[in-house]
C-alpha cells in the first residue's frame, strides 16, 4: 500500500529530527517541490502509521495520512515519483 503523508509543524524552535527519522524508516520517496509531503509504502494501516508518528508531534502540529488508490490519483510530479508510486500500487 502507498500512503501520502503531509503535515504542518507549528512549534517554533522544536527539533523535529525524531519525526524525520521515523518517516525515513518506511520505504519512501519525496518530491523536492512538495516540502511537507512524503509518499510511503508499507503494509501498515493509516492508523498504525499515525500512532507511530504522533509521538513526535506537538498538540499544535497537524498531520494527514491517506492511502493512494490505484486509478484514483492525479498530479504533476517528476516521472520518478510516479514510477515509484505505480510500481507499489
PDB file of N, CA and C in Angstrom:
ATOM      1  N   UNK A   1       0.842  -1.177   0.000  1.00  0.00           N
ATOM      2  CA  UNK A   1       0.000   0.000   0.000  1.00  0.00           C
ATOM      3  C   UNK A   1       0.884   1.236   0.000  1.00  0.00           C
ATOM      4  N   UNK A   2       0.413   2.268  -0.655  1.00  0.00           N
ATOM      5  CA  UNK A   2       1.131   3.542  -0.698  1.00  0.00           C
ATOM      6  C   UNK A   2       0.262   4.590  -0.010  1.00  0.00           C
ATOM      7  N   UNK A   3       0.899   5.372   0.829  1.00  0.00           N
ATOM      8  CA  UNK A   3       0.225   6.444   1.549  1.00  0.00           C
ATOM      9  C   UNK A   3       0.886   7.777   1.246  1.00  0.00           C
ATOM     10  N   UNK A   4       0.079   8.814   1.280  1.00  0.00           N
ATOM     11  CA  UNK A   4       0.574  10.179   1.238  1.00  0.00           C
ATOM     12  C   UNK A   4       0.492  10.709   2.658  1.00  0.00           C
ATOM     13  N   UNK A   5       1.595  11.236   3.151  1.00  0.00           N
ATOM     14  CA  UNK A   5       1.639  11.847   4.480  1.00  0.00           C
ATOM     15  C   UNK A   5       2.015  13.306   4.288  1.00  0.00           C
ATOM     16  N   UNK A   6       1.222  14.188   4.830  1.00  0.00           N
ATOM     17  CA  UNK A   6       1.526  15.616   4.765  1.00  0.00           C
ATOM     18  C   UNK A   6       1.315  16.216   6.148  1.00  0.00           C
ATOM     19  N   UNK A   7       2.039  17.272   6.444  1.00  0.00           N
ATOM     20  CA  UNK A   7       1.981  17.845   7.790  1.00  0.00           C
ATOM     21  C   UNK A   7       2.336  19.320   7.777  1.00  0.00           C
ATOM     22  N   UNK A   8       1.947  20.000   8.836  1.00  0.00           N
ATOM     23  CA  UNK A   8       2.423  21.340   9.181  1.00  0.00           C
ATOM     24  C   UNK A   8       2.944  21.247  10.605  1.00  0.00           C
ATOM     25  N   UNK A   9       4.187  21.619  10.772  1.00  0.00           N
ATOM     26  CA  UNK A   9       4.839  21.573  12.082  1.00  0.00           C
ATOM     27  C   UNK A   9       4.890  22.993  12.614  1.00  0.00           C
ATOM     28  N   UNK A  10       4.136  23.251  13.669  1.00  0.00           N
ATOM     29  CA  UNK A  10       3.857  24.617  14.086  1.00  0.00           C
ATOM     30  C   UNK A  10       4.539  25.081  15.361  1.00  0.00           C
ATOM     31  N   UNK A  11       5.401  24.295  15.951  1.00  0.00           N
ATOM     32  CA  UNK A  11       6.065  24.730  17.174  1.00  0.00           C
ATOM     33  C   UNK A  11       7.419  25.330  16.819  1.00  0.00           C
ATOM     34  N   UNK A  12       7.556  26.606  17.027  1.00  0.00           N
ATOM     35  CA  UNK A  12       8.797  27.304  16.734  1.00  0.00           C
ATOM     36  C   UNK A  12       9.914  26.793  17.624  1.00  0.00           C
ATOM     37  N   UNK A  13      11.043  26.498  17.019  1.00  0.00           N
ATOM     38  CA  UNK A  13      12.218  26.090  17.770  1.00  0.00           C
ATOM     39  C   UNK A  13      12.266  24.621  18.146  1.00  0.00           C
ATOM     40  N   UNK A  14      11.227  23.855  17.855  1.00  0.00           N
ATOM     41  CA  UNK A  14      11.235  22.431  18.196  1.00  0.00           C
ATOM     42  C   UNK A  14      12.131  21.676  17.220  1.00  0.00           C
ATOM     43  N   UNK A  15      12.832  20.702  17.732  1.00  0.00           N
ATOM     44  CA  UNK A  15      13.668  19.830  16.910  1.00  0.00           C
ATOM     45  C   UNK A  15      12.810  18.646  16.454  1.00  0.00           C
ATOM     46  N   UNK A  16      12.511  18.599  15.171  1.00  0.00           N
ATOM     47  CA  UNK A  16      11.659  17.552  14.616  1.00  0.00           C
ATOM     48  C   UNK A  16      12.462  16.411  14.004  1.00  0.00           C
ATOM     49  N   UNK A  17      13.729  16.306  14.327  1.00  0.00           N
ATOM     50  CA  UNK A  17      14.558  15.249  13.751  1.00  0.00           C
ATOM     51  C   UNK A  17      14.037  13.852  14.066  1.00  0.00           C
ATOM     52  N   UNK A  18      13.412  13.658  15.225  1.00  0.00           N
ATOM     53  CA  UNK A  18      12.873  12.335  15.557  1.00  0.00           C
ATOM     54  C   UNK A  18      11.718  11.973  14.618  1.00  0.00           C
ATOM     55  N   UNK A  19      10.918  12.969  14.219  1.00  0.00           N
ATOM     56  CA  UNK A  19       9.840  12.722  13.257  1.00  0.00           C
ATOM     57  C   UNK A  19      10.427  12.317  11.907  1.00  0.00           C
ATOM     58  N   UNK A  20      11.411  13.062  11.445  1.00  0.00           N
ATOM     59  CA  UNK A  20      12.020  12.760  10.144  1.00  0.00           C
ATOM     60  C   UNK A  20      12.686  11.379  10.169  1.00  0.00           C
ATOM     61  N   UNK A  21      13.309  11.019  11.269  1.00  0.00           N
ATOM     62  CA  UNK A  21      13.910   9.687  11.398  1.00  0.00           C
ATOM     63  C   UNK A  21      12.845   8.600  11.341  1.00  0.00           C
ATOM     64  N   UNK A  22      11.714   8.834  12.004  1.00  0.00           N
ATOM     65  CA  UNK A  22      10.622   7.853  11.980  1.00  0.00           C
ATOM     66  C   UNK A  22      10.072   7.701  10.567  1.00  0.00           C
ATOM     67  N   UNK A  23       9.945   8.778   9.838  1.00  0.00           N
ATOM     68  CA  UNK A  23       9.460   8.714   8.459  1.00  0.00           C
ATOM     69  C   UNK A  23      10.443   7.968   7.553  1.00  0.00           C
ATOM     70  N   UNK A  24      11.721   8.162   7.795  1.00  0.00           N
ATOM     71  CA  UNK A  24      12.737   7.509   6.959  1.00  0.00           C
ATOM     72  C   UNK A  24      12.808   6.002   7.169  1.00  0.00           C
ATOM     73  N   UNK A  25      12.177   5.485   8.196  1.00  0.00           N
ATOM     74  CA  UNK A  25      12.164   4.032   8.428  1.00  0.00           C
ATOM     75  C   UNK A  25      11.249   3.301   7.448  1.00  0.00           C
ATOM     76  N   UNK A  26      10.351   4.049   6.819  1.00  0.00           N
ATOM     77  CA  UNK A  26       9.468   3.462   5.809  1.00  0.00           C
ATOM     78  C   UNK A  26      10.190   3.438   4.468  1.00  0.00           C
ATOM     79  N   UNK A  27       9.677   2.612   3.550  1.00  0.00           N
ATOM     80  CA  UNK A  27      10.063   2.695   2.148  1.00  0.00           C
ATOM     81  C   UNK A  27       9.401   3.976   1.643  1.00  0.00           C
ATOM     82  N   UNK A  28      10.181   4.984   1.268  1.00  0.00           N
ATOM     83  CA  UNK A  28       9.591   6.285   0.950  1.00  0.00           C
ATOM     84  C   UNK A  28      10.261   6.939  -0.250  1.00  0.00           C
ATOM     85  N   UNK A  29       9.558   7.950  -0.779  1.00  0.00           N
ATOM     86  CA  UNK A  29      10.111   8.838  -1.788  1.00  0.00           C
ATOM     87  C   UNK A  29       9.508  10.209  -1.549  1.00  0.00           C
ATOM     88  N   UNK A  30      10.243  11.231  -1.945  1.00  0.00           N
ATOM     89  CA  UNK A  30       9.773  12.608  -1.780  1.00  0.00           C
ATOM     90  C   UNK A  30       9.984  13.370  -3.071  1.00  0.00           C
ATOM     91  N   UNK A  31       9.115  14.315  -3.319  1.00  0.00           N
ATOM     92  CA  UNK A  31       9.249  15.238  -4.438  1.00  0.00           C
ATOM     93  C   UNK A  31       9.788  16.544  -3.866  1.00  0.00           C
ATOM     94  N   UNK A  32      10.897  17.029  -4.390  1.00  0.00           N
ATOM     95  CA  UNK A  32      11.537  18.239  -3.846  1.00  0.00           C
ATOM     96  C   UNK A  32      10.629  19.464  -3.876  1.00  0.00           C
ATOM     97  N   UNK A  33       9.623  19.467  -4.728  1.00  0.00           N
ATOM     98  CA  UNK A  33       8.710  20.605  -4.802  1.00  0.00           C
ATOM     99  C   UNK A  33       7.588  20.563  -3.778  1.00  0.00           C
ATOM    100  N   UNK A  34       7.476  19.474  -3.034  1.00  0.00           N
ATOM    101  CA  UNK A  34       6.427  19.321  -2.024  1.00  0.00           C
ATOM    102  C   UNK A  34       7.101  19.148  -0.664  1.00  0.00           C
ATOM    103  N   UNK A  35       7.370  20.253   0.003  1.00  0.00           N
ATOM    104  CA  UNK A  35       8.205  20.251   1.206  1.00  0.00           C
ATOM    105  C   UNK A  35       7.704  19.356   2.332  1.00  0.00           C
ATOM    106  N   UNK A  36       6.429  19.346   2.593  1.00  0.00           N
ATOM    107  CA  UNK A  36       5.930  18.601   3.749  1.00  0.00           C
ATOM    108  C   UNK A  36       5.118  17.374   3.334  1.00  0.00           C
ATOM    109  N   UNK A  37       5.492  16.768   2.205  1.00  0.00           N
ATOM    110  CA  UNK A  37       4.789  15.596   1.695  1.00  0.00           C
ATOM    111  C   UNK A  37       5.765  14.438   1.561  1.00  0.00           C
ATOM    112  N   UNK A  38       5.356  13.290   2.077  1.00  0.00           N
ATOM    113  CA  UNK A  38       6.115  12.044   1.936  1.00  0.00           C
ATOM    114  C   UNK A  38       5.185  11.003   1.333  1.00  0.00           C
ATOM    115  N   UNK A  39       5.682  10.215   0.426  1.00  0.00           N
ATOM    116  CA  UNK A  39       4.979   9.047  -0.084  1.00  0.00           C
ATOM    117  C   UNK A  39       5.660   7.840   0.547  1.00  0.00           C
ATOM    118  N   UNK A  40       4.899   7.009   1.247  1.00  0.00           N
ATOM    119  CA  UNK A  40       5.482   5.844   1.915  1.00  0.00           C
ATOM    120  C   UNK A  40       4.752   4.583   1.477  1.00  0.00           C
ATOM    121  N   UNK A  41       5.498   3.502   1.428  1.00  0.00           N
ATOM    122  CA  UNK A  41       4.931   2.198   1.118  1.00  0.00           C
ATOM    123  C   UNK A  41       5.110   1.309   2.342  1.00  0.00           C
ATOM    124  N   UNK A  42       4.014   0.720   2.798  1.00  0.00           N
ATOM    125  CA  UNK A  42       4.039  -0.125   3.982  1.00  0.00           C
ATOM    126  C   UNK A  42       2.793  -1.011   4.009  1.00  0.00           C
ATOM    127  N   UNK A  43       2.849  -2.055   4.769  1.00  0.00           N
ATOM    128  CA  UNK A  43       1.673  -2.901   4.986  1.00  0.00           C
ATOM    129  C   UNK A  43       0.851  -2.395   6.172  1.00  0.00           C
ATOM    130  N   UNK A  44       1.338  -1.392   6.866  1.00  0.00           N
ATOM    131  CA  UNK A  44       0.613  -0.825   7.998  1.00  0.00           C
ATOM    132  C   UNK A  44      -0.625  -0.073   7.517  1.00  0.00           C
ATOM    133  N   UNK A  45      -1.588   0.117   8.415  1.00  0.00           N
ATOM    134  CA  UNK A  45      -2.760   0.940   8.125  1.00  0.00           C
ATOM    135  C   UNK A  45      -2.408   2.409   8.375  1.00  0.00           C
ATOM    136  N   UNK A  46      -3.268   3.293   7.903  1.00  0.00           N
ATOM    137  CA  UNK A  46      -3.042   4.718   8.170  1.00  0.00           C
ATOM    138  C   UNK A  46      -3.068   4.989   9.675  1.00  0.00           C
ATOM    139  N   UNK A  47      -3.905   4.280  10.416  1.00  0.00           N
ATOM    140  CA  UNK A  47      -3.957   4.435  11.869  1.00  0.00           C
ATOM    141  C   UNK A  47      -2.666   4.008  12.543  1.00  0.00           C
ATOM    142  N   UNK A  48      -2.077   2.921  12.075  1.00  0.00           N
ATOM    143  CA  UNK A  48      -0.806   2.465  12.642  1.00  0.00           C
ATOM    144  C   UNK A  48       0.321   3.456  12.323  1.00  0.00           C
ATOM    145  N   UNK A  49       0.320   3.978  11.121  1.00  0.00           N
ATOM    146  CA  UNK A  49       1.326   4.988  10.760  1.00  0.00           C
ATOM    147  C   UNK A  49       1.165   6.208  11.662  1.00  0.00           C
ATOM    148  N   UNK A  50      -0.072   6.660  11.818  1.00  0.00           N
ATOM    149  CA  UNK A  50      -0.337   7.817  12.664  1.00  0.00           C
ATOM    150  C   UNK A  50       0.160   7.588  14.093  1.00  0.00           C
ATOM    151  N   UNK A  51      -0.168   6.446  14.672  1.00  0.00           N
ATOM    152  CA  UNK A  51       0.262   6.159  16.042  1.00  0.00           C
ATOM    153  C   UNK A  51       1.783   6.141  16.144  1.00  0.00           C
ATOM    154  N   UNK A  52       2.460   5.683  15.118  1.00  0.00           N
ATOM    155  CA  UNK A  52       3.914   5.653  15.093  1.00  0.00           C
ATOM    156  C   UNK A  52       4.506   7.062  15.031  1.00  0.00           C
ATOM    157  N   UNK A  53       3.836   7.968  14.336  1.00  0.00           N
ATOM    158  CA  UNK A  53       4.380   9.313  14.129  1.00  0.00           C
ATOM    159  C   UNK A  53       3.913  10.335  15.160  1.00  0.00           C
ATOM    160  N   UNK A  54       2.733  10.153  15.726  1.00  0.00           N
ATOM    161  CA  UNK A  54       2.157  11.191  16.589  1.00  0.00           C
ATOM    162  C   UNK A  54       2.995  11.501  17.823  1.00  0.00           C
ATOM    163  N   UNK A  55       3.772  10.536  18.294  1.00  0.00           N
ATOM    164  CA  UNK A  55       4.600  10.776  19.479  1.00  0.00           C
ATOM    165  C   UNK A  55       5.699  11.799  19.207  1.00  0.00           C
ATOM    166  N   UNK A  56       5.926  12.109  17.946  1.00  0.00           N
ATOM    167  CA  UNK A  56       6.959  13.071  17.564  1.00  0.00           C
ATOM    168  C   UNK A  56       6.378  14.455  17.272  1.00  0.00           C
ATOM    169  N   UNK A  57       5.064  14.611  17.469  1.00  0.00           N
ATOM    170  CA  UNK A  57       4.367  15.852  17.155  1.00  0.00           C
ATOM    171  C   UNK A  57       3.913  16.555  18.425  1.00  0.00           C
ATOM    172  N   UNK A  58       3.674  17.855  18.303  1.00  0.00           N
ATOM    173  CA  UNK A  58       3.085  18.637  19.380  1.00  0.00           C
ATOM    174  C   UNK A  58       1.598  18.818  19.112  1.00  0.00           C
ATOM    175  N   UNK A  59       0.872  19.250  20.117  1.00  0.00           N
ATOM    176  CA  UNK A  59      -0.578  19.403  20.020  1.00  0.00           C
ATOM    177  C   UNK A  59      -0.980  20.397  18.933  1.00  0.00           C
ATOM    178  N   UNK A  60      -0.127  21.372  18.638  1.00  0.00           N
ATOM    179  CA  UNK A  60      -0.476  22.374  17.631  1.00  0.00           C
ATOM    180  C   UNK A  60      -0.002  21.995  16.219  1.00  0.00           C
ATOM    181  N   UNK A  61       0.699  20.856  16.070  1.00  0.00           N
ATOM    182  CA  UNK A  61       1.095  20.370  14.750  1.00  0.00           C
ATOM    183  C   UNK A  61      -0.103  19.699  14.086  1.00  0.00           C
ATOM    184  N   UNK A  62      -0.038  19.571  12.773  1.00  0.00           N
ATOM    185  CA  UNK A  62      -1.094  18.906  12.016  1.00  0.00           C
ATOM    186  C   UNK A  62      -0.477  17.852  11.113  1.00  0.00           C
ATOM    187  N   UNK A  63      -1.176  16.731  10.936  1.00  0.00           N
ATOM    188  CA  UNK A  63      -0.711  15.662  10.063  1.00  0.00           C
ATOM    189  C   UNK A  63      -1.928  15.028   9.395  1.00  0.00           C
ATOM    190  N   UNK A  64      -1.760  14.632   8.143  1.00  0.00           N
ATOM    191  CA  UNK A  64      -2.817  13.957   7.401  1.00  0.00           C
ATOM    192  C   UNK A  64      -2.191  12.789   6.655  1.00  0.00           C
ATOM    193  N   UNK A  65      -2.799  11.616   6.795  1.00  0.00           N
ATOM    194  CA  UNK A  65      -2.301  10.392   6.171  1.00  0.00           C
ATOM    195  C   UNK A  65      -3.451   9.776   5.391  1.00  0.00           C
ATOM    196  N   UNK A  66      -3.225   9.492   4.116  1.00  0.00           N
ATOM    197  CA  UNK A  66      -4.272   8.868   3.314  1.00  0.00           C
ATOM    198  C   UNK A  66      -3.658   7.845   2.366  1.00  0.00           C
ATOM    199  N   UNK A  67      -4.392   6.786   2.125  1.00  0.00           N
ATOM    200  CA  UNK A  67      -3.931   5.752   1.210  1.00  0.00           C
ATOM    201  C   UNK A  67      -4.182   6.197  -0.221  1.00  0.00           C
ATOM    202  N   UNK A  68      -3.211   5.969  -1.076  1.00  0.00           N
ATOM    203  CA  UNK A  68      -3.357   6.251  -2.501  1.00  0.00           C
ATOM    204  C   UNK A  68      -3.927   5.002  -3.155  1.00  0.00           C
ATOM    205  N   UNK A  69      -5.010   5.189  -3.880  1.00  0.00           N
ATOM    206  CA  UNK A  69      -5.713   4.071  -4.502  1.00  0.00           C
ATOM    207  C   UNK A  69      -5.431   4.073  -5.998  1.00  0.00           C
ATOM    208  N   UNK A  70      -5.142   2.909  -6.535  1.00  0.00           N
ATOM    209  CA  UNK A  70      -4.863   2.772  -7.958  1.00  0.00           C
ATOM    210  C   UNK A  70      -6.019   3.331  -8.786  1.00  0.00           C
ATOM    211  N   UNK A  71      -5.713   4.230  -9.702  1.00  0.00           N
ATOM    212  CA  UNK A  71      -6.720   4.818 -10.571  1.00  0.00           C
ATOM    213  C   UNK A  71      -7.462   5.990  -9.972  1.00  0.00           C
ATOM    214  N   UNK A  72      -7.139   6.365  -8.734  1.00  0.00           N
ATOM    215  CA  UNK A  72      -7.862   7.455  -8.063  1.00  0.00           C
ATOM    216  C   UNK A  72      -6.909   8.543  -7.593  1.00  0.00           C
ATOM    217  N   UNK A  73      -5.885   8.811  -8.397  1.00  0.00           N
ATOM    218  CA  UNK A  73      -4.937   9.865  -8.048  1.00  0.00           C
ATOM    219  C   UNK A  73      -4.440  10.529  -9.326  1.00  0.00           C
ATOM    220  N   UNK A  74      -4.031  11.773  -9.201  1.00  0.00           N
ATOM    221  CA  UNK A  74      -3.517  12.523 -10.328  1.00  0.00           C
ATOM    222  C   UNK A  74      -2.691  13.677  -9.794  1.00  0.00           C
ATOM    223  N   UNK A  75      -1.751  14.154 -10.573  1.00  0.00           N
ATOM    224  CA  UNK A  75      -0.949  15.297 -10.158  1.00  0.00           C
ATOM    225  C   UNK A  75       0.165  15.566 -11.133  1.00  0.00           C
ATOM    226  N   UNK A  76       1.015  16.518 -10.765  1.00  0.00           N
ATOM    227  CA  UNK A  76       2.138  16.927 -11.594  1.00  0.00           C
ATOM    228  C   UNK A  76       3.403  16.793 -10.755  1.00  0.00           C
ATOM    229  N   UNK A  77       4.167  15.733 -11.004  1.00  0.00           N
ATOM    230  CA  UNK A  77       5.420  15.489 -10.295  1.00  0.00           C
ATOM    231  C   UNK A  77       6.415  14.871 -11.267  1.00  0.00           C
ATOM    232  N   UNK A  78       7.640  14.750 -10.824  1.00  0.00           N
ATOM    233  CA  UNK A  78       8.687  14.134 -11.632  1.00  0.00           C
ATOM    234  C   UNK A  78       8.319  12.693 -11.955  1.00  0.00           C
ATOM    235  N   UNK A  79       8.700  12.226 -13.123  1.00  0.00           N
ATOM    236  CA  UNK A  79       8.379  10.864 -13.582  1.00  0.00           C
ATOM    237  C   UNK A  79       8.853   9.797 -12.592  1.00  0.00           C
ATOM    238  N   UNK A  80       9.995   9.996 -11.943  1.00  0.00           N
ATOM    239  CA  UNK A  80      10.499   9.021 -10.968  1.00  0.00           C
ATOM    240  C   UNK A  80       9.533   8.812  -9.809  1.00  0.00           C
ATOM    241  N   UNK A  81       8.864   9.872  -9.393  1.00  0.00           N
ATOM    242  CA  UNK A  81       7.892   9.775  -8.297  1.00  0.00           C
ATOM    243  C   UNK A  81       6.714   8.909  -8.747  1.00  0.00           C
ATOM    244  N   UNK A  82       6.202   9.185  -9.942  1.00  0.00           N
ATOM    245  CA  UNK A  82       5.075   8.406 -10.461  1.00  0.00           C
ATOM    246  C   UNK A  82       5.443   6.937 -10.620  1.00  0.00           C
ATOM    247  N   UNK A  83       6.622   6.680 -11.129  1.00  0.00           N
ATOM    248  CA  UNK A  83       7.057   5.291 -11.302  1.00  0.00           C
ATOM    249  C   UNK A  83       7.106   4.586  -9.956  1.00  0.00           C
ATOM    250  N   UNK A  84       7.711   5.235  -8.953  1.00  0.00           N
ATOM    251  CA  UNK A  84       7.815   4.650  -7.611  1.00  0.00           C
ATOM    252  C   UNK A  84       6.417   4.318  -7.079  1.00  0.00           C
ATOM    253  N   UNK A  85       5.486   5.274  -7.190  1.00  0.00           N
ATOM    254  CA  UNK A  85       4.121   5.053  -6.687  1.00  0.00           C
ATOM    255  C   UNK A  85       3.452   3.899  -7.436  1.00  0.00           C
ATOM    256  N   UNK A  86       3.464   3.972  -8.754  1.00  0.00           N
ATOM    257  CA  UNK A  86       2.716   2.992  -9.556  1.00  0.00           C
ATOM    258  C   UNK A  86       3.243   1.581  -9.431  1.00  0.00           C
ATOM    259  N   UNK A  87       4.539   1.414  -9.226  1.00  0.00           N
ATOM    260  CA  UNK A  87       5.108   0.084  -9.028  1.00  0.00           C
ATOM    261  C   UNK A  87       4.592  -0.543  -7.728  1.00  0.00           C
ATOM    262  N   UNK A  88       4.273   0.282  -6.737  1.00  0.00           N
ATOM    263  CA  UNK A  88       3.891  -0.214  -5.424  1.00  0.00           C
ATOM    264  C   UNK A  88       2.383  -0.335  -5.229  1.00  0.00           C
ATOM    265  N   UNK A  89       1.598   0.151  -6.170  1.00  0.00           N
ATOM    266  CA  UNK A  89       0.133   0.053  -6.032  1.00  0.00           C
ATOM    267  C   UNK A  89      -0.357  -1.327  -6.396  1.00  0.00           C
TER     268      UNK A  89
END
